[in-house]
Structure formats: C-alpha cells, structure tokens
Amino acid sequence: MQPQSHREPGMSQSQRADERRRLRDRYAWLNHFTDEEIEKISFCENGAEMVPGELYFDISNPEHGAFVGQPGQLIPEGGCLVSRSDVPSSIWAKLTSYPSRR
C-alpha cells in the first residue's frame, strides 16, 4: 500500500478518512497526529529522483531520522518518504521528533 497525498482534490471525505485509518493501522506511531495534521502529509512519488540536498523522512522507518537526498538517489518502491519542502514546518518537526514520542 502506497499512501496517497491527502491534498488530492478528487478524494472524498470518506476516502481521506479511510486513508488516515490505513496509515494509523500501518504506522501506529502516527496516532500522535491529529486528522488535520495527517492530511497535511504529502508523500513522495515512488521511483522519482530525490532532490540533492533536500531533507527526507521515511515514516516507515522513523527511527532512522531525517536524511539528505543525494544526486541520482531514487524514492524506493514501497517507500513512504516525505520531503521537508512538501510539509509545513510544524508537521516536519513532529515527524522528525518521533524517537521522543515512543
């Protein structure tokens, strides 16, 4: 299951609720996020090239923390990566503070 961006205009309220539920079921640590916060998380497209120097965070491996994209590095298939520039600062701070929220 690849999470979808919650900013997709075509998603109904019911579809967004289902996606939030799937994310929380798969990644229990996201239960610390409100519905509104989860809807602000936008995931990188699998197979896309990372932006060199951009910060990324993998919600499927939060214990690894944020990392810097390298030239030629691709978003892995099945990955749940979030780039720093695609989420509000408050969401990024909450995502990357995961170890303190266990």
PDB file of N, CA and C in Angstrom:
ATOM      1  N   MET A   1       0.845  -1.192   0.000  1.00  0.00           N
ATOM      2  CA  MET A   1       0.000   0.000   0.000  1.00  0.00           C
ATOM      3  C   MET A   1       0.872   1.230   0.000  1.00  0.00           C
ATOM      4  N   GLN A   2       0.726   2.050  -0.976  1.00  0.00           N
ATOM      5  CA  GLN A   2       1.436   3.313  -1.042  1.00  0.00           C
ATOM      6  C   GLN A   2       0.481   4.406  -0.586  1.00  0.00           C
ATOM      7  N   PRO A   3       0.816   5.110   0.500  1.00  0.00           N
ATOM      8  CA  PRO A   3      -0.051   6.201   0.933  1.00  0.00           C
ATOM      9  C   PRO A   3      -0.195   7.243  -0.162  1.00  0.00           C
ATOM     10  N   GLN A   4      -1.331   7.841  -0.216  1.00  0.00           N
ATOM     11  CA  GLN A   4      -1.605   8.889  -1.187  1.00  0.00           C
ATOM     12  C   GLN A   4      -1.414  10.240  -0.522  1.00  0.00           C
ATOM     13  N   SER A   5      -1.241  11.240  -1.337  1.00  0.00           N
ATOM     14  CA  SER A   5      -1.220  12.596  -0.821  1.00  0.00           C
ATOM     15  C   SER A   5      -2.631  12.936  -0.377  1.00  0.00           C
ATOM     16  N   HIS A   6      -2.754  13.517   0.782  1.00  0.00           N
ATOM     17  CA  HIS A   6      -4.074  13.882   1.279  1.00  0.00           C
ATOM     18  C   HIS A   6      -4.554  15.202   0.698  1.00  0.00           C
ATOM     19  N   ARG A   7      -3.731  15.794  -0.155  1.00  0.00           N
ATOM     20  CA  ARG A   7      -4.099  17.065  -0.762  1.00  0.00           C
ATOM     21  C   ARG A   7      -4.758  16.870  -2.117  1.00  0.00           C
ATOM     22  N   GLU A   8      -4.961  15.631  -2.513  1.00  0.00           N
ATOM     23  CA  GLU A   8      -5.586  15.382  -3.810  1.00  0.00           C
ATOM     24  C   GLU A   8      -7.022  15.892  -3.788  1.00  0.00           C
ATOM     25  N   PRO A   9      -7.359  16.808  -4.693  1.00  0.00           N
ATOM     26  CA  PRO A   9      -8.693  17.396  -4.683  1.00  0.00           C
ATOM     27  C   PRO A   9      -9.801  16.391  -4.990  1.00  0.00           C
ATOM     28  N   GLY A  10      -9.493  15.298  -5.689  1.00  0.00           N
ATOM     29  CA  GLY A  10     -10.507  14.329  -6.067  1.00  0.00           C
ATOM     30  C   GLY A  10     -10.904  13.363  -4.959  1.00  0.00           C
ATOM     31  N   MET A  11     -10.204  13.381  -3.843  1.00  0.00           N
ATOM     32  CA  MET A  11     -10.527  12.460  -2.754  1.00  0.00           C
ATOM     33  C   MET A  11     -11.730  12.966  -1.969  1.00  0.00           C
ATOM     34  N   SER A  12     -12.680  12.072  -1.741  1.00  0.00           N
ATOM     35  CA  SER A  12     -13.849  12.436  -0.939  1.00  0.00           C
ATOM     36  C   SER A  12     -13.473  12.421   0.539  1.00  0.00           C
ATOM     37  N   GLN A  13     -14.332  12.968   1.361  1.00  0.00           N
ATOM     38  CA  GLN A  13     -14.122  12.976   2.809  1.00  0.00           C
ATOM     39  C   GLN A  13     -13.978  11.544   3.319  1.00  0.00           C
ATOM     40  N   SER A  14     -14.793  10.642   2.795  1.00  0.00           N
ATOM     41  CA  SER A  14     -14.742   9.234   3.189  1.00  0.00           C
ATOM     42  C   SER A  14     -13.410   8.595   2.793  1.00  0.00           C
ATOM     43  N   GLN A  15     -12.927   8.898   1.582  1.00  0.00           N
ATOM     44  CA  GLN A  15     -11.640   8.354   1.121  1.00  0.00           C
ATOM     45  C   GLN A  15     -10.494   8.875   1.977  1.00  0.00           C
ATOM     46  N   ARG A  16     -10.547  10.154   2.338  1.00  0.00           N
ATOM     47  CA  ARG A  16      -9.498  10.717   3.200  1.00  0.00           C
ATOM     48  C   ARG A  16      -9.522  10.058   4.573  1.00  0.00           C
ATOM     49  N   ALA A  17     -10.708   9.818   5.114  1.00  0.00           N
ATOM     50  CA  ALA A  17     -10.830   9.151   6.415  1.00  0.00           C
ATOM     51  C   ALA A  17     -10.286   7.723   6.334  1.00  0.00           C
ATOM     52  N   ASP A  18     -10.598   7.015   5.239  1.00  0.00           N
ATOM     53  CA  ASP A  18     -10.083   5.652   5.054  1.00  0.00           C
ATOM     54  C   ASP A  18      -8.561   5.661   4.979  1.00  0.00           C
ATOM     55  N   GLU A  19      -8.004   6.612   4.270  1.00  0.00           N
ATOM     56  CA  GLU A  19      -6.542   6.700   4.135  1.00  0.00           C
ATOM     57  C   GLU A  19      -5.889   7.004   5.478  1.00  0.00           C
ATOM     58  N   ARG A  20      -6.465   7.909   6.260  1.00  0.00           N
ATOM     59  CA  ARG A  20      -5.922   8.195   7.600  1.00  0.00           C
ATOM     60  C   ARG A  20      -5.942   6.940   8.457  1.00  0.00           C
ATOM     61  N   ARG A  21      -7.029   6.188   8.388  1.00  0.00           N
ATOM     62  CA  ARG A  21      -7.163   4.950   9.165  1.00  0.00           C
ATOM     63  C   ARG A  21      -6.116   3.923   8.737  1.00  0.00           C
ATOM     64  N   ARG A  22      -5.904   3.774   7.423  1.00  0.00           N
ATOM     65  CA  ARG A  22      -4.887   2.839   6.924  1.00  0.00           C
ATOM     66  C   ARG A  22      -3.489   3.241   7.390  1.00  0.00           C
ATOM     67  N   LEU A  23      -3.197   4.529   7.325  1.00  0.00           N
ATOM     68  CA  LEU A  23      -1.884   4.998   7.775  1.00  0.00           C
ATOM     69  C   LEU A  23      -1.675   4.715   9.256  1.00  0.00           C
ATOM     70  N   ARG A  24      -2.678   4.999  10.058  1.00  0.00           N
ATOM     71  CA  ARG A  24      -2.555   4.758  11.502  1.00  0.00           C
ATOM     72  C   ARG A  24      -2.477   3.266  11.819  1.00  0.00           C
ATOM     73  N   ASP A  25      -3.195   2.442  11.052  1.00  0.00           N
ATOM     74  CA  ASP A  25      -3.112   0.993  11.257  1.00  0.00           C
ATOM     75  C   ASP A  25      -1.718   0.483  10.917  1.00  0.00           C
ATOM     76  N   ARG A  26      -1.144   0.989   9.844  1.00  0.00           N
ATOM     77  CA  ARG A  26       0.165   0.522   9.397  1.00  0.00           C
ATOM     78  C   ARG A  26       1.300   1.112  10.236  1.00  0.00           C
ATOM     79  N   TYR A  27       1.154   2.354  10.627  1.00  0.00           N
ATOM     80  CA  TYR A  27       2.192   3.060  11.392  1.00  0.00           C
ATOM     81  C   TYR A  27       1.558   3.616  12.668  1.00  0.00           C
ATOM     82  N   ALA A  28       1.503   2.793  13.681  1.00  0.00           N
ATOM     83  CA  ALA A  28       0.814   3.150  14.924  1.00  0.00           C
ATOM     84  C   ALA A  28       1.328   4.452  15.533  1.00  0.00           C
ATOM     85  N   TRP A  29       2.595   4.776  15.303  1.00  0.00           N
ATOM     86  CA  TRP A  29       3.138   5.999  15.890  1.00  0.00           C
ATOM     87  C   TRP A  29       2.457   7.253  15.343  1.00  0.00           C
ATOM     88  N   LEU A  30       1.759   7.135  14.205  1.00  0.00           N
ATOM     89  CA  LEU A  30       1.023   8.281  13.660  1.00  0.00           C
ATOM     90  C   LEU A  30      -0.244   8.583  14.449  1.00  0.00           C
ATOM     91  N   ASN A  31      -0.582   7.743  15.419  1.00  0.00           N
ATOM     92  CA  ASN A  31      -1.732   8.029  16.276  1.00  0.00           C
ATOM     93  C   ASN A  31      -1.511   9.286  17.108  1.00  0.00           C
ATOM     94  N   HIS A  32      -0.263   9.760  17.165  1.00  0.00           N
ATOM     95  CA  HIS A  32       0.050  11.008  17.871  1.00  0.00           C
ATOM     96  C   HIS A  32      -0.312  12.237  17.043  1.00  0.00           C
ATOM     97  N   PHE A  33      -0.739  12.017  15.802  1.00  0.00           N
ATOM     98  CA  PHE A  33      -1.091  13.108  14.904  1.00  0.00           C
ATOM     99  C   PHE A  33      -2.606  13.251  14.822  1.00  0.00           C
ATOM    100  N   THR A  34      -3.066  14.486  14.721  1.00  0.00           N
ATOM    101  CA  THR A  34      -4.495  14.732  14.533  1.00  0.00           C
ATOM    102  C   THR A  34      -4.855  14.442  13.073  1.00  0.00           C
ATOM    103  N   ASP A  35      -6.147  14.332  12.793  1.00  0.00           N
ATOM    104  CA  ASP A  35      -6.602  14.146  11.413  1.00  0.00           C
ATOM    105  C   ASP A  35      -6.093  15.277  10.527  1.00  0.00           C
ATOM    106  N   GLU A  36      -6.161  16.493  11.032  1.00  0.00           N
ATOM    107  CA  GLU A  36      -5.737  17.653  10.253  1.00  0.00           C
ATOM    108  C   GLU A  36      -4.239  17.587   9.952  1.00  0.00           C
ATOM    109  N   GLU A  37      -3.448  17.139  10.922  1.00  0.00           N
ATOM    110  CA  GLU A  37      -2.006  17.027  10.695  1.00  0.00           C
ATOM    111  C   GLU A  37      -1.702  15.950   9.651  1.00  0.00           C
ATOM    112  N   ILE A  38      -2.363  14.818   9.755  1.00  0.00           N
ATOM    113  CA  ILE A  38      -2.125  13.743   8.789  1.00  0.00           C
ATOM    114  C   ILE A  38      -2.493  14.189   7.381  1.00  0.00           C
ATOM    115  N   GLU A  39      -3.543  14.976   7.263  1.00  0.00           N
ATOM    116  CA  GLU A  39      -3.951  15.449   5.934  1.00  0.00           C
ATOM    117  C   GLU A  39      -2.932  16.403   5.316  1.00  0.00           C
ATOM    118  N   LYS A  40      -2.038  16.952   6.110  1.00  0.00           N
ATOM    119  CA  LYS A  40      -1.009  17.857   5.593  1.00  0.00           C
ATOM    120  C   LYS A  40       0.251  17.116   5.150  1.00  0.00           C
ATOM    121  N   ILE A  41       0.294  15.795   5.379  1.00  0.00           N
ATOM    122  CA  ILE A  41       1.448  14.998   4.975  1.00  0.00           C
ATOM    123  C   ILE A  41       1.277  14.606   3.513  1.00  0.00           C
ATOM    124  N   SER A  42       2.271  14.939   2.716  1.00  0.00           N
ATOM    125  CA  SER A  42       2.279  14.591   1.300  1.00  0.00           C
ATOM    126  C   SER A  42       3.480  13.695   1.047  1.00  0.00           C
ATOM    127  N   PHE A  43       3.237  12.522   0.464  1.00  0.00           N
ATOM    128  CA  PHE A  43       4.293  11.545   0.241  1.00  0.00           C
ATOM    129  C   PHE A  43       4.928  11.724  -1.131  1.00  0.00           C
ATOM    130  N   CYS A  44       6.216  11.416  -1.200  1.00  0.00           N
ATOM    131  CA  CYS A  44       6.957  11.478  -2.457  1.00  0.00           C
ATOM    132  C   CYS A  44       6.524  10.327  -3.358  1.00  0.00           C
ATOM    133  N   GLU A  45       6.587  10.559  -4.639  1.00  0.00           N
ATOM    134  CA  GLU A  45       6.213   9.549  -5.622  1.00  0.00           C
ATOM    135  C   GLU A  45       7.315   8.497  -5.737  1.00  0.00           C
ATOM    136  N   ASN A  46       6.937   7.225  -5.626  1.00  0.00           N
ATOM    137  CA  ASN A  46       7.899   6.129  -5.765  1.00  0.00           C
ATOM    138  C   ASN A  46       8.591   6.214  -7.121  1.00  0.00           C
ATOM    139  N   GLY A  47       9.894   5.991  -7.119  1.00  0.00           N
ATOM    140  CA  GLY A  47      10.672   5.998  -8.354  1.00  0.00           C
ATOM    141  C   GLY A  47      11.160   7.368  -8.781  1.00  0.00           C
ATOM    142  N   ALA A  48      10.633   8.422  -8.156  1.00  0.00           N
ATOM    143  CA  ALA A  48      11.076   9.774  -8.505  1.00  0.00           C
ATOM    144  C   ALA A  48      12.482  10.006  -7.959  1.00  0.00           C
ATOM    145  N   GLU A  49      13.222  10.859  -8.617  1.00  0.00           N
ATOM    146  CA  GLU A  49      14.568  11.184  -8.144  1.00  0.00           C
ATOM    147  C   GLU A  49      14.480  12.176  -6.995  1.00  0.00           C
ATOM    148  N   MET A  50      15.268  11.914  -5.954  1.00  0.00           N
ATOM    149  CA  MET A  50      15.325  12.837  -4.821  1.00  0.00           C
ATOM    150  C   MET A  50      16.052  14.104  -5.251  1.00  0.00           C
ATOM    151  N   VAL A  51      15.701  15.198  -4.624  1.00  0.00           N
ATOM    152  CA  VAL A  51      16.365  16.464  -4.878  1.00  0.00           C
ATOM    153  C   VAL A  51      17.647  16.485  -4.040  1.00  0.00           C
ATOM    154  N   PRO A  52      18.810  16.598  -4.675  1.00  0.00           N
ATOM    155  CA  PRO A  52      20.053  16.642  -3.909  1.00  0.00           C
ATOM    156  C   PRO A  52      20.034  17.779  -2.889  1.00  0.00           C
ATOM    157  N   GLY A  53      20.390  17.458  -1.665  1.00  0.00           N
ATOM    158  CA  GLY A  53      20.413  18.459  -0.591  1.00  0.00           C
ATOM    159  C   GLY A  53      19.100  18.613   0.146  1.00  0.00           C
ATOM    160  N   GLU A  54      18.012  18.080  -0.390  1.00  0.00           N
ATOM    161  CA  GLU A  54      16.697  18.151   0.262  1.00  0.00           C
ATOM    162  C   GLU A  54      16.665  17.174   1.436  1.00  0.00           C
ATOM    163  N   LEU A  55      15.998  17.543   2.504  1.00  0.00           N
ATOM    164  CA  LEU A  55      15.814  16.642   3.638  1.00  0.00           C
ATOM    165  C   LEU A  55      14.602  15.762   3.396  1.00  0.00           C
ATOM    166  N   TYR A  56      14.743  14.479   3.756  1.00  0.00           N
ATOM    167  CA  TYR A  56      13.674  13.496   3.613  1.00  0.00           C
ATOM    168  C   TYR A  56      13.502  12.752   4.927  1.00  0.00           C
ATOM    169  N   PHE A  57      12.296  12.201   5.093  1.00  0.00           N
ATOM    170  CA  PHE A  57      11.980  11.405   6.281  1.00  0.00           C
ATOM    171  C   PHE A  57      11.108  10.247   5.833  1.00  0.00           C
ATOM    172  N   ASP A  58      11.450   9.043   6.281  1.00  0.00           N
ATOM    173  CA  ASP A  58      10.706   7.838   5.915  1.00  0.00           C
ATOM    174  C   ASP A  58       9.817   7.438   7.088  1.00  0.00           C
ATOM    175  N   ILE A  59       8.500   7.594   6.924  1.00  0.00           N
ATOM    176  CA  ILE A  59       7.619   7.276   8.044  1.00  0.00           C
ATOM    177  C   ILE A  59       7.595   5.786   8.352  1.00  0.00           C
ATOM    178  N   SER A  60       8.048   4.948   7.404  1.00  0.00           N
ATOM    179  CA  SER A  60       8.087   3.516   7.680  1.00  0.00           C
ATOM    180  C   SER A  60       9.326   3.131   8.484  1.00  0.00           C
ATOM    181  N   ASN A  61      10.283   4.017   8.599  1.00  0.00           N
ATOM    182  CA  ASN A  61      11.495   3.801   9.400  1.00  0.00           C
ATOM    183  C   ASN A  61      11.834   5.075  10.167  1.00  0.00           C
ATOM    184  N   PRO A  62      10.944   5.541  11.031  1.00  0.00           N
ATOM    185  CA  PRO A  62      11.164   6.827  11.696  1.00  0.00           C
ATOM    186  C   PRO A  62      12.389   6.852  12.603  1.00  0.00           C
ATOM    187  N   GLU A  63      12.798   5.675  13.068  1.00  0.00           N
ATOM    188  CA  GLU A  63      13.957   5.618  13.959  1.00  0.00           C
ATOM    189  C   GLU A  63      15.250   6.035  13.255  1.00  0.00           C
ATOM    190  N   HIS A  64      15.258   6.048  11.927  1.00  0.00           N
ATOM    191  CA  HIS A  64      16.442   6.466  11.177  1.00  0.00           C
ATOM    192  C   HIS A  64      16.560   7.983  11.089  1.00  0.00           C
ATOM    193  N   GLY A  65      15.488   8.697  11.393  1.00  0.00           N
ATOM    194  CA  GLY A  65      15.514  10.152  11.360  1.00  0.00           C
ATOM    195  C   GLY A  65      15.561  10.709   9.947  1.00  0.00           C
ATOM    196  N   ALA A  66      15.755  11.999   9.859  1.00  0.00           N
ATOM    197  CA  ALA A  66      15.815  12.692   8.571  1.00  0.00           C
ATOM    198  C   ALA A  66      17.159  12.422   7.905  1.00  0.00           C
ATOM    199  N   PHE A  67      17.159  12.473   6.577  1.00  0.00           N
ATOM    200  CA  PHE A  67      18.400  12.287   5.829  1.00  0.00           C
ATOM    201  C   PHE A  67      18.386  13.200   4.614  1.00  0.00           C
ATOM    202  N   VAL A  68      19.558  13.422   4.054  1.00  0.00           N
ATOM    203  CA  VAL A  68      19.720  14.323   2.915  1.00  0.00           C
ATOM    204  C   VAL A  68      19.725  13.514   1.622  1.00  0.00           C
ATOM    205  N   GLY A  69      18.916  13.941   0.658  1.00  0.00           N
ATOM    206  CA  GLY A  69      18.888  13.308  -0.659  1.00  0.00           C
ATOM    207  C   GLY A  69      20.203  13.526  -1.391  1.00  0.00           C
ATOM    208  N   GLN A  70      20.644  12.493  -2.099  1.00  0.00           N
ATOM    209  CA  GLN A  70      21.904  12.540  -2.842  1.00  0.00           C
ATOM    210  C   GLN A  70      21.619  12.534  -4.345  1.00  0.00           C
ATOM    211  N   PRO A  71      22.531  13.061  -5.150  1.00  0.00           N
ATOM    212  CA  PRO A  71      22.334  13.051  -6.607  1.00  0.00           C
ATOM    213  C   PRO A  71      22.106  11.622  -7.114  1.00  0.00           C
ATOM    214  N   GLY A  72      21.098  11.453  -7.943  1.00  0.00           N
ATOM    215  CA  GLY A  72      20.799  10.158  -8.541  1.00  0.00           C
ATOM    216  C   GLY A  72      20.048   9.197  -7.638  1.00  0.00           C
ATOM    217  N   GLN A  73      19.797   9.571  -6.396  1.00  0.00           N
ATOM    218  CA  GLN A  73      19.081   8.701  -5.452  1.00  0.00           C
ATOM    219  C   GLN A  73      17.586   8.746  -5.770  1.00  0.00           C
ATOM    220  N   LEU A  74      16.953   7.570  -5.798  1.00  0.00           N
ATOM    221  CA  LEU A  74      15.534   7.479  -6.124  1.00  0.00           C
ATOM    222  C   LEU A  74      14.697   7.159  -4.892  1.00  0.00           C
ATOM    223  N   ILE A  75      13.446   7.591  -4.927  1.00  0.00           N
ATOM    224  CA  ILE A  75      12.485   7.210  -3.890  1.00  0.00           C
ATOM    225  C   ILE A  75      12.239   5.715  -4.087  1.00  0.00           C
ATOM    226  N   PRO A  76      12.477   4.892  -3.073  1.00  0.00           N
ATOM    227  CA  PRO A  76      12.333   3.439  -3.257  1.00  0.00           C
ATOM    228  C   PRO A  76      10.877   3.015  -3.421  1.00  0.00           C
ATOM    229  N   GLU A  77      10.682   1.941  -4.192  1.00  0.00           N
ATOM    230  CA  GLU A  77       9.344   1.362  -4.339  1.00  0.00           C
ATOM    231  C   GLU A  77       8.850   0.951  -2.956  1.00  0.00           C
ATOM    232  N   GLY A  78       7.610   1.266  -2.668  1.00  0.00           N
ATOM    233  CA  GLY A  78       7.046   0.922  -1.370  1.00  0.00           C
ATOM    234  C   GLY A  78       7.458   1.862  -0.258  1.00  0.00           C
ATOM    235  N   GLY A  79       8.257   2.869  -0.595  1.00  0.00           N
ATOM    236  CA  GLY A  79       8.706   3.827   0.408  1.00  0.00           C
ATOM    237  C   GLY A  79       7.597   4.783   0.809  1.00  0.00           C
ATOM    238  N   CYS A  80       7.735   5.322   1.969  1.00  0.00           N
ATOM    239  CA  CYS A  80       6.768   6.307   2.484  1.00  0.00           C
ATOM    240  C   CYS A  80       7.543   7.551   2.884  1.00  0.00           C
ATOM    241  N   LEU A  81       8.221   8.138   1.914  1.00  0.00           N
ATOM    242  CA  LEU A  81       9.070   9.287   2.174  1.00  0.00           C
ATOM    243  C   LEU A  81       8.309  10.599   2.060  1.00  0.00           C
ATOM    244  N   VAL A  82       8.714  11.510   2.924  1.00  0.00           N
ATOM    245  CA  VAL A  82       8.173  12.862   2.950  1.00  0.00           C
ATOM    246  C   VAL A  82       9.363  13.789   2.782  1.00  0.00           C
ATOM    247  N   SER A  83       9.238  14.778   1.908  1.00  0.00           N
ATOM    248  CA  SER A  83      10.326  15.752   1.777  1.00  0.00           C
ATOM    249  C   SER A  83      10.003  16.982   2.618  1.00  0.00           C
ATOM    250  N   ARG A  84      11.042  17.561   3.154  1.00  0.00           N
ATOM    251  CA  ARG A  84      10.901  18.712   4.048  1.00  0.00           C
ATOM    252  C   ARG A  84      10.139  19.849   3.382  1.00  0.00           C
ATOM    253  N   SER A  85      10.385  20.083   2.119  1.00  0.00           N
ATOM    254  CA  SER A  85       9.762  21.233   1.444  1.00  0.00           C
ATOM    255  C   SER A  85       8.285  21.008   1.129  1.00  0.00           C
ATOM    256  N   ASP A  86       7.777  19.782   1.324  1.00  0.00           N
ATOM    257  CA  ASP A  86       6.383  19.495   0.978  1.00  0.00           C
ATOM    258  C   ASP A  86       5.421  19.492   2.168  1.00  0.00           C
ATOM    259  N   VAL A  87       5.932  19.783   3.358  1.00  0.00           N
ATOM    260  CA  VAL A  87       5.053  19.795   4.530  1.00  0.00           C
ATOM    261  C   VAL A  87       5.310  21.053   5.360  1.00  0.00           C
ATOM    262  N   PRO A  88       4.310  21.502   6.096  1.00  0.00           N
ATOM    263  CA  PRO A  88       4.516  22.663   6.970  1.00  0.00           C
ATOM    264  C   PRO A  88       5.582  22.371   8.037  1.00  0.00           C
ATOM    265  N   SER A  89       6.245  23.409   8.487  1.00  0.00           N
ATOM    266  CA  SER A  89       7.308  23.273   9.490  1.00  0.00           C
ATOM    267  C   SER A  89       6.845  22.532  10.740  1.00  0.00           C
ATOM    268  N   SER A  90       5.624  22.806  11.185  1.00  0.00           N
ATOM    269  CA  SER A  90       5.124  22.153  12.407  1.00  0.00           C
ATOM    270  C   SER A  90       4.971  20.649  12.215  1.00  0.00           C
ATOM    271  N   ILE A  91       4.552  20.223  11.023  1.00  0.00           N
ATOM    272  CA  ILE A  91       4.395  18.801  10.720  1.00  0.00           C
ATOM    273  C   ILE A  91       5.770  18.148  10.630  1.00  0.00           C
ATOM    274  N   TRP A  92       6.708  18.814   9.949  1.00  0.00           N
ATOM    275  CA  TRP A  92       8.064  18.280   9.838  1.00  0.00           C
ATOM    276  C   TRP A  92       8.672  18.088  11.234  1.00  0.00           C
ATOM    277  N   ALA A  93       8.511  19.076  12.088  1.00  0.00           N
ATOM    278  CA  ALA A  93       9.063  18.985  13.445  1.00  0.00           C
ATOM    279  C   ALA A  93       8.454  17.804  14.204  1.00  0.00           C
ATOM    280  N   LYS A  94       7.177  17.600  14.056  1.00  0.00           N
ATOM    281  CA  LYS A  94       6.519  16.493  14.755  1.00  0.00           C
ATOM    282  C   LYS A  94       6.955  15.144  14.180  1.00  0.00           C
ATOM    283  N   LEU A  95       7.061  15.050  12.853  1.00  0.00           N
ATOM    284  CA  LEU A  95       7.530  13.811  12.231  1.00  0.00           C
ATOM    285  C   LEU A  95       8.932  13.456  12.712  1.00  0.00           C
ATOM    286  N   THR A  96       9.815  14.419  12.655  1.00  0.00           N
ATOM    287  CA  THR A  96      11.219  14.147  12.952  1.00  0.00           C
ATOM    288  C   THR A  96      11.521  14.052  14.440  1.00  0.00           C
ATOM    289  N   SER A  97      10.545  14.327  15.280  1.00  0.00           N
ATOM    290  CA  SER A  97      10.752  14.164  16.727  1.00  0.00           C
ATOM    291  C   SER A  97      10.260  12.806  17.188  1.00  0.00           C
ATOM    292  N   TYR A  98       9.999  11.892  16.249  1.00  0.00           N
ATOM    293  CA  TYR A  98       9.444  10.566  16.552  1.00  0.00           C
ATOM    294  C   TYR A  98      10.095   9.869  17.736  1.00  0.00           C
ATOM    295  N   PRO A  99      11.434   9.745  17.798  1.00  0.00           N
ATOM    296  CA  PRO A  99      12.010   8.957  18.902  1.00  0.00           C
ATOM    297  C   PRO A  99      11.578   9.428  20.289  1.00  0.00           C
ATOM    298  N   SER A 100      11.324  10.705  20.429  1.00  0.00           N
ATOM    299  CA  SER A 100      10.903  11.218  21.732  1.00  0.00           C
ATOM    300  C   SER A 100       9.414  10.944  22.001  1.00  0.00           C
ATOM    301  N   ARG A 101       8.692  10.424  21.018  1.00  0.00           N
ATOM    302  CA  ARG A 101       7.252  10.196  21.153  1.00  0.00           C
ATOM    303  C   ARG A 101       6.904   8.726  21.306  1.00  0.00           C
ATOM    304  N   ARG A 102       7.872   7.835  21.390  1.00  0.00           N
ATOM    305  CA  ARG A 102       7.576   6.393  21.502  1.00  0.00           C
ATOM    306  C   ARG A 102       6.832   6.064  22.745  1.00  0.00           C
TER     307      ARG A 102
END
